[in-house]
Protein backbone atom coordinates (compact mmCIF):
# COMPACT_ATOMS: atom_id res chain seq x y z
CA MET A 1 50.32 42.82 -29.79
CA GLN A 2 47.04 44.33 -28.67
CA ARG A 3 46.99 47.82 -27.19
CA ILE A 4 44.14 49.58 -25.41
CA LEU A 5 44.19 53.36 -25.07
CA LEU A 6 41.70 55.34 -22.98
CA GLU A 7 41.43 59.07 -23.61
CA ILE A 8 39.40 61.60 -21.71
CA ALA A 9 37.08 63.67 -23.92
CA ASP A 10 34.90 66.67 -23.07
CA ASN A 11 31.79 64.52 -22.69
CA GLY A 12 33.19 61.07 -21.91
CA ILE A 13 35.89 58.55 -22.74
CA ILE A 14 37.32 57.37 -26.05
CA LYS A 15 38.58 53.79 -26.13
CA THR A 16 40.92 52.78 -28.95
CA VAL A 17 41.88 49.14 -29.40
CA THR A 18 44.69 48.38 -31.85
CA ASP A 19 46.07 45.00 -32.80
CA ASP A 20 49.10 44.67 -35.05
CA ASN A 21 48.57 40.95 -35.69
CA ILE A 22 44.83 40.29 -35.85
CA ASN A 23 43.95 36.58 -36.05
CA ALA A 24 47.70 35.83 -36.27
CA ALA A 25 47.55 36.90 -39.93
CA GLY A 26 49.87 39.88 -39.59
CA GLU A 27 47.12 42.36 -40.42
CA LYS A 28 46.45 45.52 -38.44
CA PHE A 29 43.11 46.33 -36.84
CA GLU A 30 41.88 49.43 -35.00
CA SER A 31 38.57 50.05 -33.27
CA LYS A 32 37.36 53.25 -31.59
CA VAL A 33 34.41 53.54 -29.23
CA VAL A 34 33.17 56.76 -27.64
CA TYR A 35 31.41 56.42 -24.30
CA ASP A 36 29.21 59.51 -23.79
CA LEU A 37 29.04 60.20 -20.05
CA GLU A 38 26.75 63.23 -20.27
CA ASN A 39 23.71 62.06 -22.23
CA GLY A 40 21.37 59.10 -21.92
CA ASP A 41 21.68 56.45 -19.21
CA VAL A 42 25.12 57.38 -17.86
CA VAL A 43 25.23 54.54 -15.31
CA LEU A 44 24.45 51.95 -18.00
CA THR A 45 27.08 53.50 -20.28
CA LYS A 46 29.71 53.26 -17.51
CA MET A 47 28.78 49.65 -16.78
CA ASN A 48 28.96 48.72 -20.48
CA MET A 49 32.34 50.44 -20.79
CA LEU A 50 33.78 48.46 -17.86
CA TYR A 51 32.35 45.20 -19.17
CA GLU A 52 33.70 45.79 -22.69
CA LEU A 53 37.08 46.86 -21.32
CA SER A 54 37.34 43.64 -19.31
CA GLU A 55 36.53 41.66 -22.47
CA ASP A 56 39.15 43.59 -24.46
CA MET A 57 41.74 42.73 -21.81
CA GLY A 58 40.78 39.05 -21.89
CA MET A 59 39.56 38.98 -18.30
CA GLU A 60 37.23 36.10 -17.52
CA LEU A 61 34.38 37.35 -15.35
CA GLY A 62 32.74 33.95 -15.05
CA ASN A 63 29.21 33.02 -15.97
CA SER A 64 25.84 32.40 -14.33
CA LYS A 65 26.57 28.70 -13.78
CA GLN A 66 29.73 29.27 -11.71
CA SER A 67 29.94 29.78 -7.96
CA ASP A 68 32.28 32.74 -8.47
CA GLN A 69 31.14 35.32 -10.98
CA ILE A 70 32.31 38.92 -11.12
CA LYS A 71 29.34 41.19 -11.77
CA ILE A 72 29.39 44.84 -12.69
CA ILE A 73 26.37 46.23 -10.88
CA SER A 74 24.87 49.53 -9.86
CA ASP A 75 23.76 49.93 -6.25
CA TRP A 76 23.30 52.55 -3.57
CA GLY A 77 26.35 54.36 -2.24
CA GLU A 78 27.42 53.62 1.31
CA HIS A 79 26.25 57.01 2.60
CA PHE A 80 23.18 57.37 0.34
CA VAL A 81 19.98 58.10 2.26
CA PRO A 82 17.04 56.58 0.34
CA ALA A 83 13.48 57.88 0.37
CA ASP A 84 10.74 55.72 1.87
CA ASP A 85 9.53 54.56 -1.56
CA GLU A 86 13.06 53.50 -2.48
CA LEU A 87 13.37 51.58 0.78
CA LYS A 88 10.04 49.83 0.25
CA ASN A 89 11.07 48.77 -3.27
CA LYS A 90 14.45 47.54 -2.03
CA ILE A 91 12.79 45.53 0.77
CA LYS A 92 10.32 44.03 -1.71
CA ASP A 93 13.17 43.02 -4.06
CA LEU A 94 15.18 41.50 -1.21
CA GLU A 95 12.14 39.56 0.06
CA GLU A 96 11.63 38.13 -3.44
CA GLU A 97 15.31 37.15 -3.62
CA LEU A 98 15.11 35.55 -0.18
CA LYS A 99 12.00 33.60 -1.22
CA SER A 100 13.84 32.39 -4.33
CA LEU A 101 16.86 31.30 -2.27
CA LYS A 102 14.66 29.48 0.24
CA GLY A 103 13.00 27.69 -2.69
CA MET A 104 16.40 26.38 -3.76
CA LEU A 105 16.95 24.63 -0.40
CA LYS A 106 16.67 20.86 -0.45
CA GLN A 107 14.19 19.77 2.17
């Protein structure tokens, strides 16, 4: 049986994965990962932790060739008020995405 334990640490989260029958060979396996939520790119660390946790649990998130794919993304909060430069960059990105989608249309 596989067990996943999440522990809160002073600076982040410790994930321990234990398996008492790895590869159906009866051997034990343990892996520990520390996710530091105070240093470095904290958003990227959180996203990686969620992605790796979903993999550990055997959740299928789909892939880029499927119509339904679960993505772990970072985006603005609902009540976030962006600066003008942030708005201009967001508009530019959305216009590029719209252009790409229009290019996919069959005429």
